[in-house]
């Protein structure tokens, strides 16, 4: 299914193949922390995961 990303507004395919571990971590954060699962593109999921590793210390333990 094709959707528009909530953060960057780019169009993305929800079933995109070749997901990275960062995108998987971003999906977990989207579901468990920010409640926006399925609404972000792969690039934003990856960026969220990387930034969370650096700055969201309370979720890294």
N, C-alpha and C. Protein backbone atom coordinates (compact mmCIF):
# COMPACT_ATOMS: atom_id res chain seq x y z
N UNK A 1 0.84 -1.18 0.00
CA UNK A 1 0.00 0.00 0.00
C UNK A 1 0.89 1.25 0.00
N UNK A 2 0.56 2.20 -0.81
CA UNK A 2 1.32 3.44 -0.93
C UNK A 2 0.73 4.47 0.04
N UNK A 3 1.62 5.13 0.81
CA UNK A 3 1.21 6.12 1.80
C UNK A 3 2.11 7.34 1.72
N UNK A 4 1.72 8.39 2.44
CA UNK A 4 2.55 9.59 2.56
C UNK A 4 3.11 9.63 3.99
N UNK A 5 4.41 9.85 4.09
CA UNK A 5 5.11 9.89 5.38
C UNK A 5 4.64 11.11 6.19
N UNK A 6 4.39 10.90 7.47
CA UNK A 6 3.96 12.00 8.34
C UNK A 6 5.05 13.03 8.56
N UNK A 7 6.31 12.61 8.51
CA UNK A 7 7.40 13.53 8.83
C UNK A 7 7.88 14.27 7.58
N UNK A 8 8.31 13.56 6.56
CA UNK A 8 8.92 14.21 5.39
C UNK A 8 7.95 14.43 4.24
N UNK A 9 6.76 13.84 4.33
CA UNK A 9 5.70 13.98 3.31
C UNK A 9 5.99 13.27 2.00
N UNK A 10 7.06 12.47 1.94
CA UNK A 10 7.35 11.69 0.73
C UNK A 10 6.39 10.51 0.64
N UNK A 11 6.13 10.07 -0.58
CA UNK A 11 5.30 8.90 -0.82
C UNK A 11 6.17 7.66 -0.67
N UNK A 12 5.65 6.63 0.03
CA UNK A 12 6.41 5.40 0.22
C UNK A 12 5.49 4.20 0.14
N UNK A 13 6.10 3.05 -0.17
CA UNK A 13 5.38 1.79 -0.23
C UNK A 13 5.55 1.10 1.11
N UNK A 14 4.46 0.84 1.79
CA UNK A 14 4.48 0.24 3.12
C UNK A 14 5.14 -1.14 3.14
N UNK A 15 5.09 -1.84 2.02
CA UNK A 15 5.64 -3.19 1.94
C UNK A 15 6.99 -3.22 1.24
N UNK A 16 7.75 -2.16 1.37
CA UNK A 16 9.05 -2.02 0.73
C UNK A 16 10.01 -3.13 1.21
N UNK A 17 10.72 -3.74 0.28
CA UNK A 17 11.65 -4.83 0.62
C UNK A 17 13.02 -4.27 0.98
N UNK A 18 13.85 -5.12 1.61
CA UNK A 18 15.22 -4.74 1.91
C UNK A 18 15.35 -3.80 3.09
N UNK A 19 14.57 -4.01 4.13
CA UNK A 19 14.60 -3.14 5.30
C UNK A 19 15.88 -3.36 6.10
N UNK A 20 16.43 -2.28 6.63
CA UNK A 20 17.65 -2.35 7.44
C UNK A 20 17.28 -2.60 8.90
N UNK A 21 18.29 -2.90 9.72
CA UNK A 21 18.04 -3.07 11.15
C UNK A 21 17.61 -1.74 11.77
N UNK A 22 18.07 -0.63 11.22
CA UNK A 22 17.65 0.67 11.73
C UNK A 22 16.17 0.91 11.44
N UNK A 23 15.72 0.50 10.26
CA UNK A 23 14.30 0.65 9.94
C UNK A 23 13.45 -0.23 10.85
N UNK A 24 13.93 -1.42 11.17
CA UNK A 24 13.21 -2.30 12.09
C UNK A 24 13.14 -1.69 13.48
N UNK A 25 14.24 -1.10 13.93
CA UNK A 25 14.25 -0.42 15.23
C UNK A 25 13.30 0.78 15.21
N UNK A 26 13.30 1.52 14.10
CA UNK A 26 12.39 2.65 13.96
C UNK A 26 10.94 2.22 13.98
N UNK A 27 10.64 1.06 13.40
CA UNK A 27 9.27 0.53 13.44
C UNK A 27 8.86 0.22 14.87
N UNK A 28 9.78 -0.38 15.64
CA UNK A 28 9.49 -0.67 17.04
C UNK A 28 9.21 0.63 17.81
N UNK A 29 10.06 1.63 17.62
CA UNK A 29 9.86 2.91 18.28
C UNK A 29 8.54 3.55 17.87
N UNK A 30 8.20 3.45 16.60
CA UNK A 30 6.94 4.02 16.10
C UNK A 30 5.74 3.37 16.79
N UNK A 31 5.83 2.09 17.03
CA UNK A 31 4.72 1.38 17.67
C UNK A 31 4.69 1.53 19.18
N UNK A 32 5.85 1.50 19.80
CA UNK A 32 5.91 1.47 21.26
C UNK A 32 6.08 2.84 21.92
N UNK A 33 6.66 3.80 21.23
CA UNK A 33 6.98 5.09 21.86
C UNK A 33 6.12 6.22 21.30
N UNK A 34 6.07 6.36 19.98
CA UNK A 34 5.40 7.52 19.37
C UNK A 34 4.01 7.24 18.81
N UNK A 35 3.59 6.00 18.79
CA UNK A 35 2.25 5.63 18.32
C UNK A 35 1.94 6.13 16.91
N UNK A 36 2.92 5.99 16.01
CA UNK A 36 2.68 6.34 14.61
C UNK A 36 3.16 5.23 13.67
N UNK A 37 3.01 4.00 14.12
CA UNK A 37 3.43 2.83 13.33
C UNK A 37 2.70 2.79 11.99
N UNK A 38 3.45 2.49 10.94
CA UNK A 38 2.89 2.38 9.60
C UNK A 38 2.69 3.71 8.89
N UNK A 39 3.13 4.80 9.52
CA UNK A 39 2.89 6.12 8.94
C UNK A 39 4.17 6.83 8.52
N UNK A 40 5.33 6.14 8.65
CA UNK A 40 6.61 6.76 8.31
C UNK A 40 7.34 5.96 7.24
N UNK A 41 8.08 6.67 6.39
CA UNK A 41 8.87 6.02 5.34
C UNK A 41 10.12 5.39 5.96
N UNK A 42 10.80 4.57 5.20
CA UNK A 42 11.99 3.88 5.67
C UNK A 42 13.07 4.85 6.10
N UNK A 43 13.29 5.90 5.34
CA UNK A 43 14.34 6.86 5.68
C UNK A 43 14.05 7.53 7.03
N UNK A 44 12.82 7.91 7.29
CA UNK A 44 12.48 8.54 8.57
C UNK A 44 12.54 7.54 9.71
N UNK A 45 12.16 6.29 9.46
CA UNK A 45 12.29 5.26 10.49
C UNK A 45 13.76 5.05 10.86
N UNK A 46 14.62 4.97 9.85
CA UNK A 46 16.05 4.79 10.09
C UNK A 46 16.63 5.98 10.85
N UNK A 47 16.26 7.18 10.45
CA UNK A 47 16.76 8.39 11.12
C UNK A 47 16.30 8.42 12.57
N UNK A 48 15.06 8.09 12.80
CA UNK A 48 14.52 8.07 14.17
C UNK A 48 15.29 7.08 15.03
N UNK A 49 15.58 5.91 14.50
CA UNK A 49 16.31 4.90 15.27
C UNK A 49 17.72 5.37 15.60
N UNK A 50 18.40 5.94 14.63
CA UNK A 50 19.76 6.43 14.87
C UNK A 50 19.79 7.56 15.89
N UNK A 51 18.87 8.51 15.75
CA UNK A 51 18.81 9.61 16.69
C UNK A 51 18.42 9.13 18.09
N UNK A 52 17.54 8.15 18.15
CA UNK A 52 17.15 7.61 19.45
C UNK A 52 18.31 6.93 20.15
N UNK A 53 19.16 6.25 19.40
CA UNK A 53 20.34 5.62 20.01
C UNK A 53 21.24 6.67 20.62
N UNK A 54 21.30 7.84 20.01
CA UNK A 54 22.19 8.89 20.50
C UNK A 54 21.57 9.71 21.63
N UNK A 55 20.27 9.98 21.55
CA UNK A 55 19.67 10.95 22.45
C UNK A 55 18.55 10.46 23.36
N UNK A 56 17.98 9.31 23.11
CA UNK A 56 16.86 8.82 23.89
C UNK A 56 17.34 7.73 24.86
N UNK A 57 18.19 8.12 25.78
CA UNK A 57 18.86 7.18 26.66
C UNK A 57 17.90 6.36 27.52
N UNK A 58 16.79 6.91 27.91
CA UNK A 58 15.86 6.16 28.76
C UNK A 58 15.24 4.97 28.04
N UNK A 59 15.27 4.95 26.70
CA UNK A 59 14.74 3.81 25.93
C UNK A 59 15.86 2.85 25.50
N UNK A 60 17.11 3.20 25.74
CA UNK A 60 18.24 2.38 25.30
C UNK A 60 18.69 1.37 26.34
N UNK A 61 18.05 1.29 27.47
CA UNK A 61 18.49 0.37 28.51
C UNK A 61 17.66 -0.88 28.55
